Amino acid sequence: MGLELYLDLVSQPCRAVYIFARRNGIPFELRTVDLLKGQHFSNDFAQVNPLMKVPALKDGDFILTESLWVLAARSSKADPNFLHGVSAWRRQWGRTFSGRPMRSS
């Protein structure tokens, strides 16, 4: 089984992951999770992501559940220097995506 993306395109983070995968020609199988119907709270989806949030990426037994890291994982396969670029960006701006200051190293 190949790459599976669990998404609901109503969600902005899901749309970002979907657009990124499509524009970069990454083959995936779309698994729609209807947020408005509460499908993300089902027991079946909890086996994919115990936090019951989308997007989620499943690649065999490997699962990622944060949209930034889903994008980073796919980018790092295409360009191994991608994660280095993320570190440089964080050092430059000194903040995480949540807006909280990062601890300096």
PDB file of N, CA and C in Angstrom:
ATOM      1  N   MET A   1       0.849  -1.183   0.000  1.00  0.00           N
ATOM      2  CA  MET A   1       0.000   0.000   0.000  1.00  0.00           C
ATOM      3  C   MET A   1       0.888   1.237   0.000  1.00  0.00           C
ATOM      4  N   GLY A   2       0.498   2.277  -0.752  1.00  0.00           N
ATOM      5  CA  GLY A   2       1.288   3.491  -0.869  1.00  0.00           C
ATOM      6  C   GLY A   2       0.950   4.525   0.178  1.00  0.00           C
ATOM      7  N   LEU A   3       1.277   5.742  -0.140  1.00  0.00           N
ATOM      8  CA  LEU A   3       1.057   6.875   0.742  1.00  0.00           C
ATOM      9  C   LEU A   3      -0.430   7.179   0.828  1.00  0.00           C
ATOM     10  N   GLU A   4      -0.933   7.352   2.049  1.00  0.00           N
ATOM     11  CA  GLU A   4      -2.334   7.705   2.264  1.00  0.00           C
ATOM     12  C   GLU A   4      -2.386   9.042   2.980  1.00  0.00           C
ATOM     13  N   LEU A   5      -3.213   9.959   2.477  1.00  0.00           N
ATOM     14  CA  LEU A   5      -3.433  11.234   3.133  1.00  0.00           C
ATOM     15  C   LEU A   5      -4.869  11.289   3.622  1.00  0.00           C
ATOM     16  N   TYR A   6      -5.031  11.526   4.918  1.00  0.00           N
ATOM     17  CA  TYR A   6      -6.342  11.661   5.545  1.00  0.00           C
ATOM     18  C   TYR A   6      -6.623  13.151   5.657  1.00  0.00           C
ATOM     19  N   LEU A   7      -7.613  13.626   4.875  1.00  0.00           N
ATOM     20  CA  LEU A   7      -7.863  15.055   4.755  1.00  0.00           C
ATOM     21  C   LEU A   7      -9.348  15.365   4.703  1.00  0.00           C
ATOM     22  N   ASP A   8      -9.676  16.600   5.052  1.00  0.00           N
ATOM     23  CA  ASP A   8     -10.958  17.200   4.716  1.00  0.00           C
ATOM     24  C   ASP A   8     -10.611  18.562   4.133  1.00  0.00           C
ATOM     25  N   LEU A   9     -10.947  18.794   2.892  1.00  0.00           N
ATOM     26  CA  LEU A   9     -10.535  20.009   2.208  1.00  0.00           C
ATOM     27  C   LEU A   9     -11.229  21.259   2.730  1.00  0.00           C
ATOM     28  N   VAL A  10     -12.127  21.116   3.701  1.00  0.00           N
ATOM     29  CA  VAL A  10     -12.704  22.261   4.401  1.00  0.00           C
ATOM     30  C   VAL A  10     -11.634  22.910   5.283  1.00  0.00           C
ATOM     31  N   SER A  11     -10.693  22.110   5.736  1.00  0.00           N
ATOM     32  CA  SER A  11      -9.636  22.560   6.648  1.00  0.00           C
ATOM     33  C   SER A  11      -8.477  23.180   5.864  1.00  0.00           C
ATOM     34  N   GLN A  12      -8.046  24.381   6.280  1.00  0.00           N
ATOM     35  CA  GLN A  12      -6.943  25.053   5.593  1.00  0.00           C
ATOM     36  C   GLN A  12      -5.657  24.245   5.655  1.00  0.00           C
ATOM     37  N   PRO A  13      -5.237  23.675   6.801  1.00  0.00           N
ATOM     38  CA  PRO A  13      -4.021  22.858   6.802  1.00  0.00           C
ATOM     39  C   PRO A  13      -4.133  21.646   5.870  1.00  0.00           C
ATOM     40  N   CYS A  14      -5.307  21.066   5.766  1.00  0.00           N
ATOM     41  CA  CYS A  14      -5.510  19.940   4.854  1.00  0.00           C
ATOM     42  C   CYS A  14      -5.359  20.389   3.403  1.00  0.00           C
ATOM     43  N   ARG A  15      -5.910  21.554   3.082  1.00  0.00           N
ATOM     44  CA  ARG A  15      -5.782  22.062   1.720  1.00  0.00           C
ATOM     45  C   ARG A  15      -4.324  22.325   1.379  1.00  0.00           C
ATOM     46  N   ALA A  16      -3.547  22.838   2.337  1.00  0.00           N
ATOM     47  CA  ALA A  16      -2.126  23.102   2.086  1.00  0.00           C
ATOM     48  C   ALA A  16      -1.387  21.814   1.762  1.00  0.00           C
ATOM     49  N   VAL A  17      -1.644  20.759   2.527  1.00  0.00           N
ATOM     50  CA  VAL A  17      -0.997  19.467   2.287  1.00  0.00           C
ATOM     51  C   VAL A  17      -1.437  18.903   0.942  1.00  0.00           C
ATOM     52  N   TYR A  18      -2.723  18.978   0.642  1.00  0.00           N
ATOM     53  CA  TYR A  18      -3.269  18.460  -0.614  1.00  0.00           C
ATOM     54  C   TYR A  18      -2.662  19.186  -1.813  1.00  0.00           C
ATOM     55  N   ILE A  19      -2.644  20.517  -1.772  1.00  0.00           N
ATOM     56  CA  ILE A  19      -2.103  21.299  -2.879  1.00  0.00           C
ATOM     57  C   ILE A  19      -0.618  21.006  -3.057  1.00  0.00           C
ATOM     58  N   PHE A  20       0.111  20.931  -1.948  1.00  0.00           N
ATOM     59  CA  PHE A  20       1.541  20.641  -2.015  1.00  0.00           C
ATOM     60  C   PHE A  20       1.788  19.290  -2.696  1.00  0.00           C
ATOM     61  N   ALA A  21       1.054  18.276  -2.286  1.00  0.00           N
ATOM     62  CA  ALA A  21       1.240  16.932  -2.854  1.00  0.00           C
ATOM     63  C   ALA A  21       0.894  16.910  -4.340  1.00  0.00           C
ATOM     64  N   ARG A  22      -0.197  17.558  -4.707  1.00  0.00           N
ATOM     65  CA  ARG A  22      -0.612  17.565  -6.118  1.00  0.00           C
ATOM     66  C   ARG A  22       0.372  18.338  -6.992  1.00  0.00           C
ATOM     67  N   ARG A  23       0.791  19.509  -6.537  1.00  0.00           N
ATOM     68  CA  ARG A  23       1.700  20.340  -7.343  1.00  0.00           C
ATOM     69  C   ARG A  23       3.080  19.722  -7.491  1.00  0.00           C
ATOM     70  N   ASN A  24       3.475  18.886  -6.530  1.00  0.00           N
ATOM     71  CA  ASN A  24       4.795  18.271  -6.590  1.00  0.00           C
ATOM     72  C   ASN A  24       4.759  16.849  -7.139  1.00  0.00           C
ATOM     73  N   GLY A  25       3.600  16.441  -7.639  1.00  0.00           N
ATOM     74  CA  GLY A  25       3.493  15.132  -8.275  1.00  0.00           C
ATOM     75  C   GLY A  25       3.713  13.964  -7.335  1.00  0.00           C
ATOM     76  N   ILE A  26       3.370  14.142  -6.067  1.00  0.00           N
ATOM     77  CA  ILE A  26       3.539  13.069  -5.085  1.00  0.00           C
ATOM     78  C   ILE A  26       2.314  12.158  -5.173  1.00  0.00           C
ATOM     79  N   PRO A  27       2.510  10.891  -5.514  1.00  0.00           N
ATOM     80  CA  PRO A  27       1.357   9.989  -5.609  1.00  0.00           C
ATOM     81  C   PRO A  27       0.820   9.649  -4.216  1.00  0.00           C
ATOM     82  N   PHE A  28      -0.486   9.753  -4.054  1.00  0.00           N
ATOM     83  CA  PHE A  28      -1.102   9.439  -2.769  1.00  0.00           C
ATOM     84  C   PHE A  28      -2.523   8.965  -2.991  1.00  0.00           C
ATOM     85  N   GLU A  29      -3.017   8.287  -1.983  1.00  0.00           N
ATOM     86  CA  GLU A  29      -4.416   7.875  -1.990  1.00  0.00           C
ATOM     87  C   GLU A  29      -5.150   8.768  -0.993  1.00  0.00           C
ATOM     88  N   LEU A  30      -6.159   9.484  -1.478  1.00  0.00           N
ATOM     89  CA  LEU A  30      -6.907  10.408  -0.638  1.00  0.00           C
ATOM     90  C   LEU A  30      -7.915   9.634   0.205  1.00  0.00           C
ATOM     91  N   ARG A  31      -7.847   9.838   1.502  1.00  0.00           N
ATOM     92  CA  ARG A  31      -8.815   9.279   2.446  1.00  0.00           C
ATOM     93  C   ARG A  31      -9.557  10.459   3.061  1.00  0.00           C
ATOM     94  N   THR A  32     -10.771  10.693   2.601  1.00  0.00           N
ATOM     95  CA  THR A  32     -11.542  11.833   3.081  1.00  0.00           C
ATOM     96  C   THR A  32     -12.101  11.556   4.471  1.00  0.00           C
ATOM     97  N   VAL A  33     -11.885  12.507   5.361  1.00  0.00           N
ATOM     98  CA  VAL A  33     -12.413  12.463   6.721  1.00  0.00           C
ATOM     99  C   VAL A  33     -13.337  13.675   6.849  1.00  0.00           C
ATOM    100  N   ASP A  34     -14.630  13.453   6.915  1.00  0.00           N
ATOM    101  CA  ASP A  34     -15.608  14.547   6.947  1.00  0.00           C
ATOM    102  C   ASP A  34     -15.685  15.131   8.353  1.00  0.00           C
ATOM    103  N   LEU A  35     -15.073  16.307   8.516  1.00  0.00           N
ATOM    104  CA  LEU A  35     -15.049  16.948   9.827  1.00  0.00           C
ATOM    105  C   LEU A  35     -16.444  17.370  10.289  1.00  0.00           C
ATOM    106  N   LEU A  36     -17.261  17.851   9.358  1.00  0.00           N
ATOM    107  CA  LEU A  36     -18.594  18.322   9.730  1.00  0.00           C
ATOM    108  C   LEU A  36     -19.495  17.196  10.219  1.00  0.00           C
ATOM    109  N   LYS A  37     -19.212  15.979   9.799  1.00  0.00           N
ATOM    110  CA  LYS A  37     -19.973  14.817  10.272  1.00  0.00           C
ATOM    111  C   LYS A  37     -19.313  14.161  11.480  1.00  0.00           C
ATOM    112  N   GLY A  38     -18.155  14.669  11.897  1.00  0.00           N
ATOM    113  CA  GLY A  38     -17.469  14.127  13.068  1.00  0.00           C
ATOM    114  C   GLY A  38     -16.729  12.829  12.821  1.00  0.00           C
ATOM    115  N   GLN A  39     -16.387  12.550  11.573  1.00  0.00           N
ATOM    116  CA  GLN A  39     -15.694  11.292  11.269  1.00  0.00           C
ATOM    117  C   GLN A  39     -14.317  11.219  11.920  1.00  0.00           C
ATOM    118  N   HIS A  40     -13.738  12.368  12.258  1.00  0.00           N
ATOM    119  CA  HIS A  40     -12.426  12.356  12.900  1.00  0.00           C
ATOM    120  C   HIS A  40     -12.511  11.855  14.346  1.00  0.00           C
ATOM    121  N   PHE A  41     -13.711  11.739  14.892  1.00  0.00           N
ATOM    122  CA  PHE A  41     -13.892  11.196  16.235  1.00  0.00           C
ATOM    123  C   PHE A  41     -14.215   9.705  16.235  1.00  0.00           C
ATOM    124  N   SER A  42     -14.198   9.078  15.063  1.00  0.00           N
ATOM    125  CA  SER A  42     -14.537   7.655  14.981  1.00  0.00           C
ATOM    126  C   SER A  42     -13.386   6.790  15.487  1.00  0.00           C
ATOM    127  N   ASN A  43     -13.713   5.585  15.897  1.00  0.00           N
ATOM    128  CA  ASN A  43     -12.689   4.649  16.372  1.00  0.00           C
ATOM    129  C   ASN A  43     -11.732   4.255  15.251  1.00  0.00           C
ATOM    130  N   ASP A  44     -12.245   4.156  14.024  1.00  0.00           N
ATOM    131  CA  ASP A  44     -11.379   3.818  12.887  1.00  0.00           C
ATOM    132  C   ASP A  44     -10.306   4.883  12.671  1.00  0.00           C
ATOM    133  N   PHE A  45     -10.709   6.156  12.717  1.00  0.00           N
ATOM    134  CA  PHE A  45      -9.728   7.220  12.512  1.00  0.00           C
ATOM    135  C   PHE A  45      -8.805   7.358  13.726  1.00  0.00           C
ATOM    136  N   ALA A  46      -9.278   7.052  14.912  1.00  0.00           N
ATOM    137  CA  ALA A  46      -8.429   7.123  16.110  1.00  0.00           C
ATOM    138  C   ALA A  46      -7.258   6.151  16.024  1.00  0.00           C
ATOM    139  N   GLN A  47      -7.386   5.085  15.241  1.00  0.00           N
ATOM    140  CA  GLN A  47      -6.267   4.166  15.042  1.00  0.00           C
ATOM    141  C   GLN A  47      -5.190   4.797  14.171  1.00  0.00           C
ATOM    142  N   VAL A  48      -5.584   5.729  13.307  1.00  0.00           N
ATOM    143  CA  VAL A  48      -4.623   6.454  12.478  1.00  0.00           C
ATOM    144  C   VAL A  48      -4.004   7.589  13.288  1.00  0.00           C
ATOM    145  N   ASN A  49      -4.846   8.382  13.944  1.00  0.00           N
ATOM    146  CA  ASN A  49      -4.386   9.508  14.740  1.00  0.00           C
ATOM    147  C   ASN A  49      -5.147   9.550  16.059  1.00  0.00           C
ATOM    148  N   PRO A  50      -4.522   9.127  17.153  1.00  0.00           N
ATOM    149  CA  PRO A  50      -5.192   9.134  18.451  1.00  0.00           C
ATOM    150  C   PRO A  50      -5.622  10.530  18.903  1.00  0.00           C
ATOM    151  N   LEU A  51      -5.014  11.591  18.346  1.00  0.00           N
ATOM    152  CA  LEU A  51      -5.426  12.953  18.676  1.00  0.00           C
ATOM    153  C   LEU A  51      -6.685  13.372  17.929  1.00  0.00           C
ATOM    154  N   MET A  52      -7.095  12.544  16.960  1.00  0.00           N
ATOM    155  CA  MET A  52      -8.321  12.744  16.183  1.00  0.00           C
ATOM    156  C   MET A  52      -8.333  14.074  15.440  1.00  0.00           C
ATOM    157  N   LYS A  53      -7.188  14.402  14.810  1.00  0.00           N
ATOM    158  CA  LYS A  53      -7.075  15.621  14.026  1.00  0.00           C
ATOM    159  C   LYS A  53      -6.587  15.281  12.622  1.00  0.00           C
ATOM    160  N   VAL A  54      -6.983  16.115  11.660  1.00  0.00           N
ATOM    161  CA  VAL A  54      -6.479  16.003  10.305  1.00  0.00           C
ATOM    162  C   VAL A  54      -5.645  17.239  10.012  1.00  0.00           C
ATOM    163  N   PRO A  55      -4.697  17.176   9.121  1.00  0.00           N
ATOM    164  CA  PRO A  55      -4.355  16.090   8.231  1.00  0.00           C
ATOM    165  C   PRO A  55      -3.495  15.042   8.924  1.00  0.00           C
ATOM    166  N   ALA A  56      -3.495  13.864   8.337  1.00  0.00           N
ATOM    167  CA  ALA A  56      -2.626  12.778   8.779  1.00  0.00           C
ATOM    168  C   ALA A  56      -2.075  12.091   7.539  1.00  0.00           C
ATOM    169  N   LEU A  57      -0.844  11.659   7.633  1.00  0.00           N
ATOM    170  CA  LEU A  57      -0.178  10.968   6.540  1.00  0.00           C
ATOM    171  C   LEU A  57       0.192   9.584   7.042  1.00  0.00           C
ATOM    172  N   LYS A  58      -0.110   8.582   6.244  1.00  0.00           N
ATOM    173  CA  LYS A  58       0.250   7.205   6.587  1.00  0.00           C
ATOM    174  C   LYS A  58       1.039   6.626   5.423  1.00  0.00           C
ATOM    175  N   ASP A  59       2.244   6.169   5.740  1.00  0.00           N
ATOM    176  CA  ASP A  59       3.129   5.573   4.736  1.00  0.00           C
ATOM    177  C   ASP A  59       3.549   4.222   5.287  1.00  0.00           C
ATOM    178  N   GLY A  60       2.781   3.172   4.986  1.00  0.00           N
ATOM    179  CA  GLY A  60       3.017   1.862   5.583  1.00  0.00           C
ATOM    180  C   GLY A  60       2.673   1.912   7.063  1.00  0.00           C
ATOM    181  N   ASP A  61       3.649   1.607   7.923  1.00  0.00           N
ATOM    182  CA  ASP A  61       3.438   1.667   9.367  1.00  0.00           C
ATOM    183  C   ASP A  61       3.790   3.035   9.953  1.00  0.00           C
ATOM    184  N   PHE A  62       4.360   3.921   9.137  1.00  0.00           N
ATOM    185  CA  PHE A  62       4.786   5.242   9.592  1.00  0.00           C
ATOM    186  C   PHE A  62       3.636   6.223   9.461  1.00  0.00           C
ATOM    187  N   ILE A  63       3.336   6.980  10.543  1.00  0.00           N
ATOM    188  CA  ILE A  63       2.223   7.924  10.541  1.00  0.00           C
ATOM    189  C   ILE A  63       2.705   9.280  11.061  1.00  0.00           C
ATOM    190  N   LEU A  64       2.328  10.348  10.356  1.00  0.00           N
ATOM    191  CA  LEU A  64       2.560  11.723  10.804  1.00  0.00           C
ATOM    192  C   LEU A  64       1.217  12.409  10.958  1.00  0.00           C
ATOM    193  N   THR A  65       1.106  13.274  11.986  1.00  0.00           N
ATOM    194  CA  THR A  65      -0.191  13.874  12.262  1.00  0.00           C
ATOM    195  C   THR A  65      -0.187  15.390  12.364  1.00  0.00           C
ATOM    196  N   GLU A  66       0.902  16.048  12.087  1.00  0.00           N
ATOM    197  CA  GLU A  66       0.947  17.511  12.103  1.00  0.00           C
ATOM    198  C   GLU A  66       1.195  18.006  10.689  1.00  0.00           C
ATOM    199  N   SER A  67       0.416  18.972  10.224  1.00  0.00           N
ATOM    200  CA  SER A  67       0.502  19.395   8.824  1.00  0.00           C
ATOM    201  C   SER A  67       1.882  19.907   8.447  1.00  0.00           C
ATOM    202  N   LEU A  68       2.543  20.657   9.316  1.00  0.00           N
ATOM    203  CA  LEU A  68       3.883  21.147   8.998  1.00  0.00           C
ATOM    204  C   LEU A  68       4.835  19.994   8.775  1.00  0.00           C
ATOM    205  N   TRP A  69       4.773  18.978   9.619  1.00  0.00           N
ATOM    206  CA  TRP A  69       5.709  17.858   9.504  1.00  0.00           C
ATOM    207  C   TRP A  69       5.335  16.930   8.368  1.00  0.00           C
ATOM    208  N   VAL A  70       4.051  16.886   8.007  1.00  0.00           N
ATOM    209  CA  VAL A  70       3.661  16.129   6.815  1.00  0.00           C
ATOM    210  C   VAL A  70       4.319  16.776   5.596  1.00  0.00           C
ATOM    211  N   LEU A  71       4.245  18.097   5.508  1.00  0.00           N
ATOM    212  CA  LEU A  71       4.880  18.804   4.397  1.00  0.00           C
ATOM    213  C   LEU A  71       6.392  18.636   4.441  1.00  0.00           C
ATOM    214  N   ALA A  72       6.984  18.747   5.628  1.00  0.00           N
ATOM    215  CA  ALA A  72       8.437  18.640   5.759  1.00  0.00           C
ATOM    216  C   ALA A  72       8.918  17.250   5.380  1.00  0.00           C
ATOM    217  N   ALA A  73       8.199  16.220   5.784  1.00  0.00           N
ATOM    218  CA  ALA A  73       8.605  14.846   5.474  1.00  0.00           C
ATOM    219  C   ALA A  73       8.598  14.621   3.977  1.00  0.00           C
ATOM    220  N   ARG A  74       7.584  15.102   3.308  1.00  0.00           N
ATOM    221  CA  ARG A  74       7.507  14.926   1.868  1.00  0.00           C
ATOM    222  C   ARG A  74       8.583  15.768   1.180  1.00  0.00           C
ATOM    223  N   SER A  75       8.834  16.969   1.678  1.00  0.00           N
ATOM    224  CA  SER A  75       9.849  17.825   1.071  1.00  0.00           C
ATOM    225  C   SER A  75      11.237  17.259   1.273  1.00  0.00           C
ATOM    226  N   SER A  76      11.498  16.691   2.442  1.00  0.00           N
ATOM    227  CA  SER A  76      12.841  16.190   2.722  1.00  0.00           C
ATOM    228  C   SER A  76      13.168  14.976   1.858  1.00  0.00           C
ATOM    229  N   LYS A  77      12.147  14.224   1.431  1.00  0.00           N
ATOM    230  CA  LYS A  77      12.404  13.123   0.501  1.00  0.00           C
ATOM    231  C   LYS A  77      12.815  13.676  -0.860  1.00  0.00           C
ATOM    232  N   ALA A  78      12.196  14.771  -1.256  1.00  0.00           N
ATOM    233  CA  ALA A  78      12.521  15.388  -2.540  1.00  0.00           C
ATOM    234  C   ALA A  78      13.808  16.203  -2.456  1.00  0.00           C
ATOM    235  N   ASP A  79      14.023  16.891  -1.327  1.00  0.00           N
ATOM    236  CA  ASP A  79      15.191  17.748  -1.146  1.00  0.00           C
ATOM    237  C   ASP A  79      15.704  17.577   0.279  1.00  0.00           C
ATOM    238  N   PRO A  80      16.774  16.809   0.497  1.00  0.00           N
ATOM    239  CA  PRO A  80      17.279  16.547   1.855  1.00  0.00           C
ATOM    240  C   PRO A  80      17.674  17.807   2.618  1.00  0.00           C
ATOM    241  N   ASN A  81      17.905  18.932   1.951  1.00  0.00           N
ATOM    242  CA  ASN A  81      18.279  20.169   2.631  1.00  0.00           C
ATOM    243  C   ASN A  81      17.081  20.949   3.144  1.00  0.00           C
ATOM    244  N   PHE A  82      15.853  20.464   2.896  1.00  0.00           N
ATOM    245  CA  PHE A  82      14.653  21.197   3.293  1.00  0.00           C
ATOM    246  C   PHE A  82      14.616  21.440   4.798  1.00  0.00           C
ATOM    247  N   LEU A  83      14.860  20.419   5.611  1.00  0.00           N
ATOM    248  CA  LEU A  83      14.775  20.594   7.053  1.00  0.00           C
ATOM    249  C   LEU A  83      15.839  21.558   7.561  1.00  0.00           C
ATOM    250  N   HIS A  84      16.984  21.608   6.911  1.00  0.00           N
ATOM    251  CA  HIS A  84      17.993  22.597   7.273  1.00  0.00           C
ATOM    252  C   HIS A  84      17.444  24.006   7.044  1.00  0.00           C
ATOM    253  N   GLY A  85      16.704  24.187   5.967  1.00  0.00           N
ATOM    254  CA  GLY A  85      16.095  25.486   5.680  1.00  0.00           C
ATOM    255  C   GLY A  85      15.087  25.884   6.738  1.00  0.00           C
ATOM    256  N   VAL A  86      14.323  24.922   7.267  1.00  0.00           N
ATOM    257  CA  VAL A  86      13.363  25.198   8.334  1.00  0.00           C
ATOM    258  C   VAL A  86      14.106  25.681   9.575  1.00  0.00           C
ATOM    259  N   SER A  87      15.221  25.031   9.911  1.00  0.00           N
ATOM    260  CA  SER A  87      16.000  25.442  11.079  1.00  0.00           C
ATOM    261  C   SER A  87      16.528  26.860  10.913  1.00  0.00           C
ATOM    262  N   ALA A  88      16.998  27.197   9.720  1.00  0.00           N
ATOM    263  CA  ALA A  88      17.502  28.542   9.467  1.00  0.00           C
ATOM    264  C   ALA A  88      16.381  29.569   9.597  1.00  0.00           C
ATOM    265  N   TRP A  89      15.209  29.225   9.093  1.00  0.00           N
ATOM    266  CA  TRP A  89      14.061  30.135   9.198  1.00  0.00           C
ATOM    267  C   TRP A  89      13.721  30.386  10.662  1.00  0.00           C
ATOM    268  N   ARG A  90      13.697  29.320  11.467  1.00  0.00           N
ATOM    269  CA  ARG A  90      13.377  29.481  12.885  1.00  0.00           C
ATOM    270  C   ARG A  90      14.426  30.322  13.600  1.00  0.00           C
ATOM    271  N   ARG A  91      15.702  30.122  13.282  1.00  0.00           N
ATOM    272  CA  ARG A  91      16.753  30.925  13.913  1.00  0.00           C
ATOM    273  C   ARG A  91      16.581  32.396  13.545  1.00  0.00           C
ATOM    274  N   GLN A  92      16.220  32.653  12.292  1.00  0.00           N
ATOM    275  CA  GLN A  92      16.065  34.024  11.839  1.00  0.00           C
ATOM    276  C   GLN A  92      14.907  34.711  12.564  1.00  0.00           C
ATOM    277  N   TRP A  93      13.774  34.031  12.657  1.00  0.00           N
ATOM    278  CA  TRP A  93      12.582  34.656  13.218  1.00  0.00           C
ATOM    279  C   TRP A  93      12.441  34.420  14.707  1.00  0.00           C
ATOM    280  N   GLY A  94      13.097  33.378  15.238  1.00  0.00           N
ATOM    281  CA  GLY A  94      13.106  33.150  16.683  1.00  0.00           C
ATOM    282  C   GLY A  94      11.772  32.758  17.282  1.00  0.00           C
ATOM    283  N   ARG A  95      10.885  32.252  16.472  1.00  0.00           N
ATOM    284  CA  ARG A  95       9.563  31.863  16.985  1.00  0.00           C
ATOM    285  C   ARG A  95       9.135  30.557  16.318  1.00  0.00           C
ATOM    286  N   THR A  96       8.277  29.858  17.024  1.00  0.00           N
ATOM    287  CA  THR A  96       7.685  28.659  16.438  1.00  0.00           C
ATOM    288  C   THR A  96       6.442  29.083  15.677  1.00  0.00           C
ATOM    289  N   PHE A  97       5.775  28.155  15.044  1.00  0.00           N
ATOM    290  CA  PHE A  97       4.557  28.475  14.307  1.00  0.00           C
ATOM    291  C   PHE A  97       3.419  28.848  15.243  1.00  0.00           C
ATOM    292  N   SER A  98       3.510  28.482  16.517  1.00  0.00           N
ATOM    293  CA  SER A  98       2.458  28.846  17.463  1.00  0.00           C
ATOM    294  C   SER A  98       2.609  30.287  17.921  1.00  0.00           C
ATOM    295  N   GLY A  99       3.713  30.942  17.545  1.00  0.00           N
ATOM    296  CA  GLY A  99       3.915  32.324  17.935  1.00  0.00           C
ATOM    297  C   GLY A  99       4.657  32.485  19.247  1.00  0.00           C
ATOM    298  N   ARG A 100       4.963  31.378  19.904  1.00  0.00           N
ATOM    299  CA  ARG A 100       5.693  31.454  21.171  1.00  0.00           C
ATOM    300  C   ARG A 100       7.182  31.556  20.886  1.00  0.00           C
ATOM    301  N   PRO A 101       7.905  32.356  21.669  1.00  0.00           N
ATOM    302  CA  PRO A 101       9.355  32.441  21.475  1.00  0.00           C
ATOM    303  C   PRO A 101      10.009  31.074  21.684  1.00  0.00           C
ATOM    304  N   MET A 102      11.023  30.799  20.879  1.00  0.00           N
ATOM    305  CA  MET A 102      11.759  29.546  21.032  1.00  0.00           C
ATOM    306  C   MET A 102      12.872  29.733  22.042  1.00  0.00           C
ATOM    307  N   ARG A 103      13.250  28.648  22.686  1.00  0.00           N
ATOM    308  CA  ARG A 103      14.381  28.681  23.581  1.00  0.00           C
ATOM    309  C   ARG A 103      15.635  28.701  22.741  1.00  0.00           C
ATOM    310  N   SER A 104      16.540  29.631  23.015  1.00  0.00           N
ATOM    311  CA  SER A 104      17.761  29.694  22.215  1.00  0.00           C
ATOM    312  C   SER A 104      18.693  28.565  22.603  1.00  0.00           C
ATOM    313  N   SER A 105      19.453  28.075  21.608  1.00  0.00           N
ATOM    314  CA  SER A 105      20.336  26.946  21.876  1.00  0.00           C
ATOM    315  C   SER A 105      21.763  27.374  22.033  1.00  0.00           C
TER     316      SER A 105
END
